[in-house]
N, C-alpha and C. Protein backbone atom coordinates (compact mmCIF):
# COMPACT_ATOMS: atom_id res chain seq x y z
N MET A 1 0.83 -1.19 0.00
CA MET A 1 0.00 0.00 0.00
C MET A 1 0.87 1.25 0.00
N LYS A 2 1.89 1.25 0.87
CA LYS A 2 2.79 2.40 0.97
C LYS A 2 3.53 2.60 -0.35
N LYS A 3 3.96 1.50 -0.96
CA LYS A 3 4.67 1.60 -2.24
C LYS A 3 3.76 2.19 -3.30
N ASN A 4 2.51 1.75 -3.33
CA ASN A 4 1.58 2.26 -4.33
C ASN A 4 1.34 3.76 -4.16
N ILE A 5 1.20 4.20 -2.94
CA ILE A 5 0.97 5.62 -2.69
C ILE A 5 2.18 6.44 -3.12
N ILE A 6 3.37 5.96 -2.78
CA ILE A 6 4.59 6.68 -3.15
C ILE A 6 4.74 6.70 -4.66
N MET A 7 4.45 5.59 -5.31
CA MET A 7 4.57 5.51 -6.75
C MET A 7 3.59 6.48 -7.42
N ILE A 8 2.36 6.53 -6.90
CA ILE A 8 1.36 7.45 -7.44
C ILE A 8 1.81 8.89 -7.25
N LEU A 9 2.34 9.21 -6.07
CA LEU A 9 2.80 10.57 -5.81
C LEU A 9 3.94 10.96 -6.75
N LEU A 10 4.86 10.03 -6.99
CA LEU A 10 5.95 10.32 -7.91
C LEU A 10 5.44 10.57 -9.32
N MET A 11 4.52 9.74 -9.78
CA MET A 11 3.98 9.90 -11.12
C MET A 11 3.20 11.21 -11.25
N VAL A 12 2.44 11.55 -10.21
CA VAL A 12 1.70 12.82 -10.23
C VAL A 12 2.65 13.99 -10.27
N SER A 13 3.73 13.93 -9.48
CA SER A 13 4.68 15.04 -9.47
C SER A 13 5.37 15.17 -10.82
N PHE A 14 5.71 14.06 -11.49
CA PHE A 14 6.30 14.13 -12.82
C PHE A 14 5.31 14.76 -13.81
N THR A 15 4.05 14.35 -13.72
CA THR A 15 3.03 14.87 -14.63
C THR A 15 2.81 16.36 -14.41
N VAL A 16 2.71 16.76 -13.14
CA VAL A 16 2.51 18.17 -12.83
C VAL A 16 3.68 18.99 -13.32
N TYR A 17 4.88 18.51 -13.11
CA TYR A 17 6.06 19.23 -13.57
C TYR A 17 6.04 19.39 -15.08
N ALA A 18 5.72 18.33 -15.79
CA ALA A 18 5.74 18.38 -17.25
C ALA A 18 4.73 19.39 -17.79
N HIS A 19 3.57 19.50 -17.14
CA HIS A 19 2.55 20.41 -17.63
C HIS A 19 2.68 21.81 -17.04
N ALA A 20 3.34 21.94 -15.91
CA ALA A 20 3.43 23.25 -15.26
C ALA A 20 4.40 24.18 -15.97
N ALA A 21 5.33 23.66 -16.72
CA ALA A 21 6.31 24.51 -17.39
C ALA A 21 5.65 25.44 -18.39
N ASP A 22 4.49 25.05 -18.94
CA ASP A 22 3.81 25.88 -19.93
C ASP A 22 2.72 26.76 -19.33
N ARG A 23 2.50 26.70 -18.06
CA ARG A 23 1.41 27.44 -17.42
C ARG A 23 1.91 28.75 -16.82
N VAL A 24 1.06 29.77 -16.87
CA VAL A 24 1.33 31.03 -16.20
C VAL A 24 0.58 30.99 -14.88
N VAL A 25 1.29 31.24 -13.80
CA VAL A 25 0.70 31.14 -12.48
C VAL A 25 0.52 32.54 -11.90
N LEU A 26 -0.67 32.81 -11.38
CA LEU A 26 -0.92 34.09 -10.74
C LEU A 26 -0.35 34.07 -9.34
N GLY A 27 0.27 35.15 -8.95
CA GLY A 27 0.79 35.27 -7.60
C GLY A 27 -0.33 35.63 -6.64
N VAL A 28 -0.04 35.61 -5.37
CA VAL A 28 -1.03 35.89 -4.34
C VAL A 28 -1.55 37.31 -4.46
N ASN A 29 -0.69 38.26 -4.76
CA ASN A 29 -1.08 39.66 -4.81
C ASN A 29 -1.51 40.14 -6.19
N GLU A 30 -1.47 39.29 -7.18
CA GLU A 30 -1.85 39.70 -8.52
C GLU A 30 -3.37 39.67 -8.67
N GLN A 31 -3.87 40.59 -9.45
CA GLN A 31 -5.30 40.66 -9.67
C GLN A 31 -5.67 39.82 -10.88
N ILE A 32 -6.83 39.21 -10.80
CA ILE A 32 -7.34 38.45 -11.93
C ILE A 32 -7.95 39.45 -12.90
N GLN A 33 -7.65 39.30 -14.17
CA GLN A 33 -8.15 40.23 -15.16
C GLN A 33 -9.62 39.92 -15.47
N VAL A 34 -10.40 40.96 -15.50
CA VAL A 34 -11.81 40.85 -15.86
C VAL A 34 -11.86 40.83 -17.39
N PRO A 35 -12.77 40.05 -18.00
CA PRO A 35 -12.80 39.96 -19.46
C PRO A 35 -12.88 41.32 -20.17
N GLY A 36 -13.50 42.32 -19.57
CA GLY A 36 -13.58 43.64 -20.18
C GLY A 36 -12.23 44.34 -20.21
N GLU A 37 -11.40 44.02 -19.24
CA GLU A 37 -10.06 44.60 -19.16
C GLU A 37 -9.12 43.79 -20.01
N ARG A 38 -8.44 44.43 -20.92
CA ARG A 38 -7.50 43.71 -21.76
C ARG A 38 -6.10 44.27 -21.54
N ARG A 39 -5.56 44.02 -20.34
CA ARG A 39 -4.20 44.46 -20.08
C ARG A 39 -3.25 43.36 -20.52
N ILE A 40 -2.22 43.74 -21.19
CA ILE A 40 -1.21 42.78 -21.61
C ILE A 40 -0.10 42.82 -20.56
N PRO A 41 0.16 41.68 -19.91
CA PRO A 41 1.21 41.67 -18.90
C PRO A 41 2.58 41.94 -19.53
N ASP A 42 3.41 42.60 -18.76
CA ASP A 42 4.77 42.90 -19.19
C ASP A 42 5.53 41.59 -19.43
N ALA A 43 6.24 41.52 -20.54
CA ALA A 43 6.96 40.29 -20.88
C ALA A 43 8.01 39.95 -19.84
N SER A 44 8.67 40.95 -19.28
CA SER A 44 9.69 40.67 -18.27
C SER A 44 9.06 40.13 -16.99
N ALA A 45 7.84 40.60 -16.67
CA ALA A 45 7.14 40.08 -15.49
C ALA A 45 6.79 38.60 -15.68
N ILE A 46 6.35 38.26 -16.88
CA ILE A 46 6.03 36.86 -17.18
C ILE A 46 7.30 36.02 -17.11
N ALA A 47 8.38 36.54 -17.68
CA ALA A 47 9.65 35.80 -17.66
C ALA A 47 10.13 35.61 -16.23
N ASN A 48 10.00 36.63 -15.39
CA ASN A 48 10.41 36.52 -13.99
C ASN A 48 9.56 35.48 -13.25
N ARG A 49 8.27 35.47 -13.52
CA ARG A 49 7.39 34.48 -12.87
C ARG A 49 7.76 33.07 -13.32
N ALA A 50 8.04 32.91 -14.60
CA ALA A 50 8.42 31.60 -15.11
C ALA A 50 9.74 31.15 -14.50
N LYS A 51 10.69 32.09 -14.39
CA LYS A 51 11.98 31.77 -13.78
C LYS A 51 11.79 31.36 -12.33
N GLU A 52 10.95 32.11 -11.60
CA GLU A 52 10.68 31.77 -10.20
C GLU A 52 10.05 30.39 -10.09
N LEU A 53 9.11 30.10 -10.97
CA LEU A 53 8.46 28.80 -10.97
C LEU A 53 9.47 27.68 -11.19
N LEU A 54 10.36 27.87 -12.16
CA LEU A 54 11.38 26.85 -12.43
C LEU A 54 12.33 26.66 -11.25
N GLU A 55 12.68 27.75 -10.59
CA GLU A 55 13.56 27.65 -9.41
C GLU A 55 12.86 26.90 -8.28
N ILE A 56 11.59 27.19 -8.07
CA ILE A 56 10.83 26.49 -7.03
C ILE A 56 10.74 25.01 -7.36
N GLN A 57 10.42 24.70 -8.61
CA GLN A 57 10.32 23.30 -9.01
C GLN A 57 11.65 22.59 -8.85
N LYS A 58 12.74 23.26 -9.18
CA LYS A 58 14.06 22.64 -9.03
C LYS A 58 14.34 22.34 -7.57
N LYS A 59 14.03 23.28 -6.68
CA LYS A 59 14.25 23.05 -5.25
C LYS A 59 13.40 21.89 -4.75
N LEU A 60 12.14 21.84 -5.18
CA LEU A 60 11.26 20.75 -4.76
C LEU A 60 11.81 19.40 -5.22
N PHE A 61 12.21 19.32 -6.48
CA PHE A 61 12.72 18.06 -7.00
C PHE A 61 14.06 17.69 -6.37
N ASP A 62 14.89 18.68 -6.05
CA ASP A 62 16.14 18.38 -5.34
C ASP A 62 15.85 17.77 -3.98
N MET A 63 14.88 18.33 -3.28
CA MET A 63 14.50 17.79 -1.97
C MET A 63 13.96 16.37 -2.12
N GLU A 64 13.11 16.16 -3.14
CA GLU A 64 12.57 14.83 -3.37
C GLU A 64 13.68 13.84 -3.70
N ARG A 65 14.63 14.28 -4.52
CA ARG A 65 15.74 13.40 -4.90
C ARG A 65 16.57 13.00 -3.68
N GLU A 66 16.82 13.97 -2.78
CA GLU A 66 17.57 13.67 -1.56
C GLU A 66 16.86 12.62 -0.72
N VAL A 67 15.54 12.78 -0.58
CA VAL A 67 14.76 11.83 0.23
C VAL A 67 14.82 10.45 -0.42
N ILE A 68 14.71 10.42 -1.74
CA ILE A 68 14.75 9.13 -2.44
C ILE A 68 16.11 8.47 -2.28
N GLN A 69 17.19 9.26 -2.35
CA GLN A 69 18.53 8.70 -2.21
C GLN A 69 18.78 8.16 -0.81
N GLN A 70 18.10 8.71 0.18
CA GLN A 70 18.32 8.29 1.56
C GLN A 70 17.47 7.09 1.96
N ASP A 71 16.41 6.80 1.23
CA ASP A 71 15.49 5.71 1.58
C ASP A 71 15.64 4.59 0.55
N GLN A 72 16.03 3.42 1.03
CA GLN A 72 16.28 2.29 0.13
C GLN A 72 15.02 1.88 -0.62
N GLU A 73 13.88 1.89 0.04
CA GLU A 73 12.62 1.50 -0.61
C GLU A 73 12.27 2.47 -1.73
N LEU A 74 12.40 3.76 -1.45
CA LEU A 74 12.12 4.77 -2.47
C LEU A 74 13.11 4.67 -3.63
N LYS A 75 14.36 4.36 -3.30
CA LYS A 75 15.39 4.21 -4.32
C LYS A 75 15.02 3.07 -5.27
N GLN A 76 14.53 1.97 -4.71
CA GLN A 76 14.14 0.83 -5.54
C GLN A 76 12.94 1.18 -6.42
N ILE A 77 11.98 1.90 -5.86
CA ILE A 77 10.81 2.32 -6.63
C ILE A 77 11.24 3.24 -7.77
N ALA A 78 12.12 4.18 -7.47
CA ALA A 78 12.60 5.11 -8.50
C ALA A 78 13.31 4.35 -9.62
N GLU A 79 14.08 3.34 -9.27
CA GLU A 79 14.77 2.53 -10.27
C GLU A 79 13.76 1.75 -11.12
N GLN A 80 12.72 1.22 -10.48
CA GLN A 80 11.67 0.52 -11.23
C GLN A 80 10.99 1.47 -12.21
N ILE A 81 10.69 2.67 -11.75
CA ILE A 81 10.05 3.66 -12.61
C ILE A 81 10.95 3.99 -13.79
N LYS A 82 12.24 4.16 -13.52
CA LYS A 82 13.19 4.48 -14.58
C LYS A 82 13.22 3.36 -15.63
N GLN A 83 13.23 2.11 -15.17
CA GLN A 83 13.24 0.98 -16.10
C GLN A 83 11.94 0.92 -16.90
N LEU A 84 10.81 1.16 -16.23
CA LEU A 84 9.52 1.14 -16.93
C LEU A 84 9.42 2.28 -17.94
N GLN A 85 9.94 3.44 -17.60
CA GLN A 85 9.94 4.55 -18.54
C GLN A 85 10.78 4.22 -19.77
N GLN A 86 11.91 3.55 -19.55
CA GLN A 86 12.76 3.15 -20.67
C GLN A 86 12.04 2.14 -21.55
N GLN A 87 11.35 1.18 -20.92
CA GLN A 87 10.59 0.20 -21.69
C GLN A 87 9.49 0.89 -22.49
N LEU A 88 8.81 1.83 -21.86
CA LEU A 88 7.75 2.56 -22.54
C LEU A 88 8.31 3.32 -23.73
N ARG A 89 9.42 4.03 -23.53
CA ARG A 89 10.04 4.80 -24.61
C ARG A 89 10.41 3.88 -25.77
N GLU A 90 10.99 2.71 -25.47
CA GLU A 90 11.38 1.78 -26.53
C GLU A 90 10.16 1.27 -27.30
N LYS A 91 9.09 0.94 -26.59
CA LYS A 91 7.89 0.43 -27.25
C LYS A 91 7.20 1.50 -28.08
N VAL A 92 7.17 2.73 -27.56
CA VAL A 92 6.58 3.83 -28.32
C VAL A 92 7.39 4.08 -29.59
N GLU A 93 8.71 4.11 -29.45
CA GLU A 93 9.58 4.30 -30.61
C GLU A 93 9.36 3.19 -31.64
N ASP A 94 9.21 1.96 -31.17
CA ASP A 94 9.00 0.83 -32.07
C ASP A 94 7.66 0.97 -32.81
N LYS A 95 6.63 1.38 -32.08
CA LYS A 95 5.31 1.54 -32.71
C LYS A 95 5.29 2.68 -33.72
N LEU A 96 6.08 3.72 -33.45
CA LEU A 96 6.05 4.91 -34.30
C LEU A 96 7.15 4.94 -35.35
N LYS A 97 7.91 3.87 -35.48
CA LYS A 97 9.02 3.88 -36.44
C LYS A 97 8.54 3.97 -37.88
N THR A 98 7.29 3.60 -38.14
CA THR A 98 6.75 3.69 -39.50
C THR A 98 5.87 4.92 -39.68
N ASN A 99 5.68 5.71 -38.64
CA ASN A 99 4.86 6.92 -38.72
C ASN A 99 5.70 8.04 -39.31
N GLU A 100 5.36 8.46 -40.52
CA GLU A 100 6.16 9.45 -41.24
C GLU A 100 6.17 10.81 -40.54
N GLU A 101 5.01 11.24 -40.04
CA GLU A 101 4.95 12.54 -39.38
C GLU A 101 5.83 12.55 -38.13
N TYR A 102 5.75 11.49 -37.34
CA TYR A 102 6.56 11.39 -36.13
C TYR A 102 8.05 11.43 -36.47
N GLN A 103 8.43 10.65 -37.47
CA GLN A 103 9.84 10.58 -37.85
C GLN A 103 10.34 11.92 -38.40
N SER A 104 9.51 12.60 -39.19
CA SER A 104 9.94 13.90 -39.73
C SER A 104 10.05 14.94 -38.62
N LEU A 105 9.13 14.92 -37.65
CA LEU A 105 9.23 15.83 -36.50
C LEU A 105 10.47 15.54 -35.67
N LYS A 106 10.76 14.27 -35.51
CA LYS A 106 11.95 13.88 -34.76
C LYS A 106 13.21 14.37 -35.46
N GLN A 107 13.26 14.23 -36.77
CA GLN A 107 14.41 14.71 -37.54
C GLN A 107 14.52 16.23 -37.45
N ARG A 108 13.39 16.92 -37.54
CA ARG A 108 13.40 18.38 -37.45
C ARG A 108 13.90 18.83 -36.08
N LYS A 109 13.46 18.16 -35.04
CA LYS A 109 13.92 18.47 -33.68
C LYS A 109 15.42 18.32 -33.58
N GLU A 110 15.96 17.24 -34.11
CA GLU A 110 17.40 17.00 -34.07
C GLU A 110 18.15 18.04 -34.90
N GLN A 111 17.58 18.42 -36.04
CA GLN A 111 18.21 19.43 -36.88
C GLN A 111 18.29 20.77 -36.14
N ILE A 112 17.22 21.16 -35.47
CA ILE A 112 17.20 22.41 -34.71
C ILE A 112 18.23 22.35 -33.59
N ARG A 113 18.31 21.21 -32.91
CA ARG A 113 19.28 21.05 -31.83
C ARG A 113 20.70 21.19 -32.35
N GLN A 114 20.98 20.59 -33.50
CA GLN A 114 22.30 20.68 -34.11
C GLN A 114 22.62 22.12 -34.53
N ASP A 115 21.61 22.83 -35.04
CA ASP A 115 21.80 24.24 -35.41
C ASP A 115 22.20 25.08 -34.20
N TYR A 116 21.55 24.84 -33.06
CA TYR A 116 21.89 25.56 -31.84
C TYR A 116 23.32 25.25 -31.40
N ILE A 117 23.69 23.99 -31.50
CA ILE A 117 25.04 23.60 -31.11
C ILE A 117 26.07 24.28 -32.02
N LYS A 118 25.78 24.31 -33.32
CA LYS A 118 26.69 24.96 -34.27
C LYS A 118 26.81 26.46 -33.99
N ALA A 119 25.74 27.06 -33.50
CA ALA A 119 25.75 28.50 -33.21
C ALA A 119 26.31 28.78 -31.82
N ASN A 120 26.98 27.78 -31.24
CA ASN A 120 27.60 27.89 -29.92
C ASN A 120 26.61 28.07 -28.78
N PHE A 121 25.39 27.66 -28.99
CA PHE A 121 24.42 27.63 -27.90
C PHE A 121 24.55 26.27 -27.25
N LYS A 122 24.71 26.29 -25.95
CA LYS A 122 24.75 25.02 -25.24
C LYS A 122 23.34 24.70 -24.81
N PRO A 123 22.90 23.45 -25.00
CA PRO A 123 21.56 23.10 -24.55
C PRO A 123 21.46 23.33 -23.05
N LYS A 124 20.39 23.97 -22.64
CA LYS A 124 20.21 24.22 -21.22
C LYS A 124 19.99 22.90 -20.51
N GLU A 125 20.59 22.81 -19.34
CA GLU A 125 20.40 21.61 -18.55
C GLU A 125 18.99 21.63 -18.00
N HIS A 126 18.34 20.52 -18.08
CA HIS A 126 16.98 20.43 -17.57
C HIS A 126 17.01 20.75 -16.08
N PRO A 127 16.07 21.58 -15.58
CA PRO A 127 16.13 21.98 -14.17
C PRO A 127 16.01 20.80 -13.22
N VAL A 128 15.41 19.73 -13.69
CA VAL A 128 15.27 18.56 -12.83
C VAL A 128 15.97 17.40 -13.49
N LYS A 129 17.04 16.96 -12.90
CA LYS A 129 17.75 15.81 -13.44
C LYS A 129 17.00 14.54 -13.06
N ARG A 130 17.14 13.57 -13.88
CA ARG A 130 16.55 12.28 -13.57
C ARG A 130 17.23 11.72 -12.34
N PHE A 131 16.54 10.81 -11.68
CA PHE A 131 17.11 10.21 -10.49
C PHE A 131 18.36 9.46 -10.89
N GLU A 132 19.44 9.80 -10.25
CA GLU A 132 20.72 9.20 -10.61
C GLU A 132 21.24 8.38 -9.45
N ARG A 133 22.00 7.40 -9.80
CA ARG A 133 22.71 6.64 -8.76
C ARG A 133 23.98 7.39 -8.43
N ARG A 134 24.27 7.50 -7.19
CA ARG A 134 25.49 8.20 -6.79
C ARG A 134 26.46 7.22 -6.20
């Protein structure tokens, strides 16, 4: 039962993180815009909020990672999740290997990544690293 709850919490946190990166979050003191009011938020304010959100998420995941590294049961669950995610990725790739749209998007993604590397842009490190063995 405990394992199931922990596993569910981990999966929910991964899902929330994946979807939260694209969301704009209102702060406690910010006013909700009424439909009649069409104020465009300052781009730097949005960027600052997004940066703050990413920093908070990084701190949360760092804390979670520390707890997982210290608890043998959680460490085993994290390793199982990692293996299952790898199996899922392999099966999805296998199913989509004949899908032309998927393959062309994948190639385009790689081409864009290579263009950034050629232009001396280093890919940003993901704010949350996968659970690693130390």
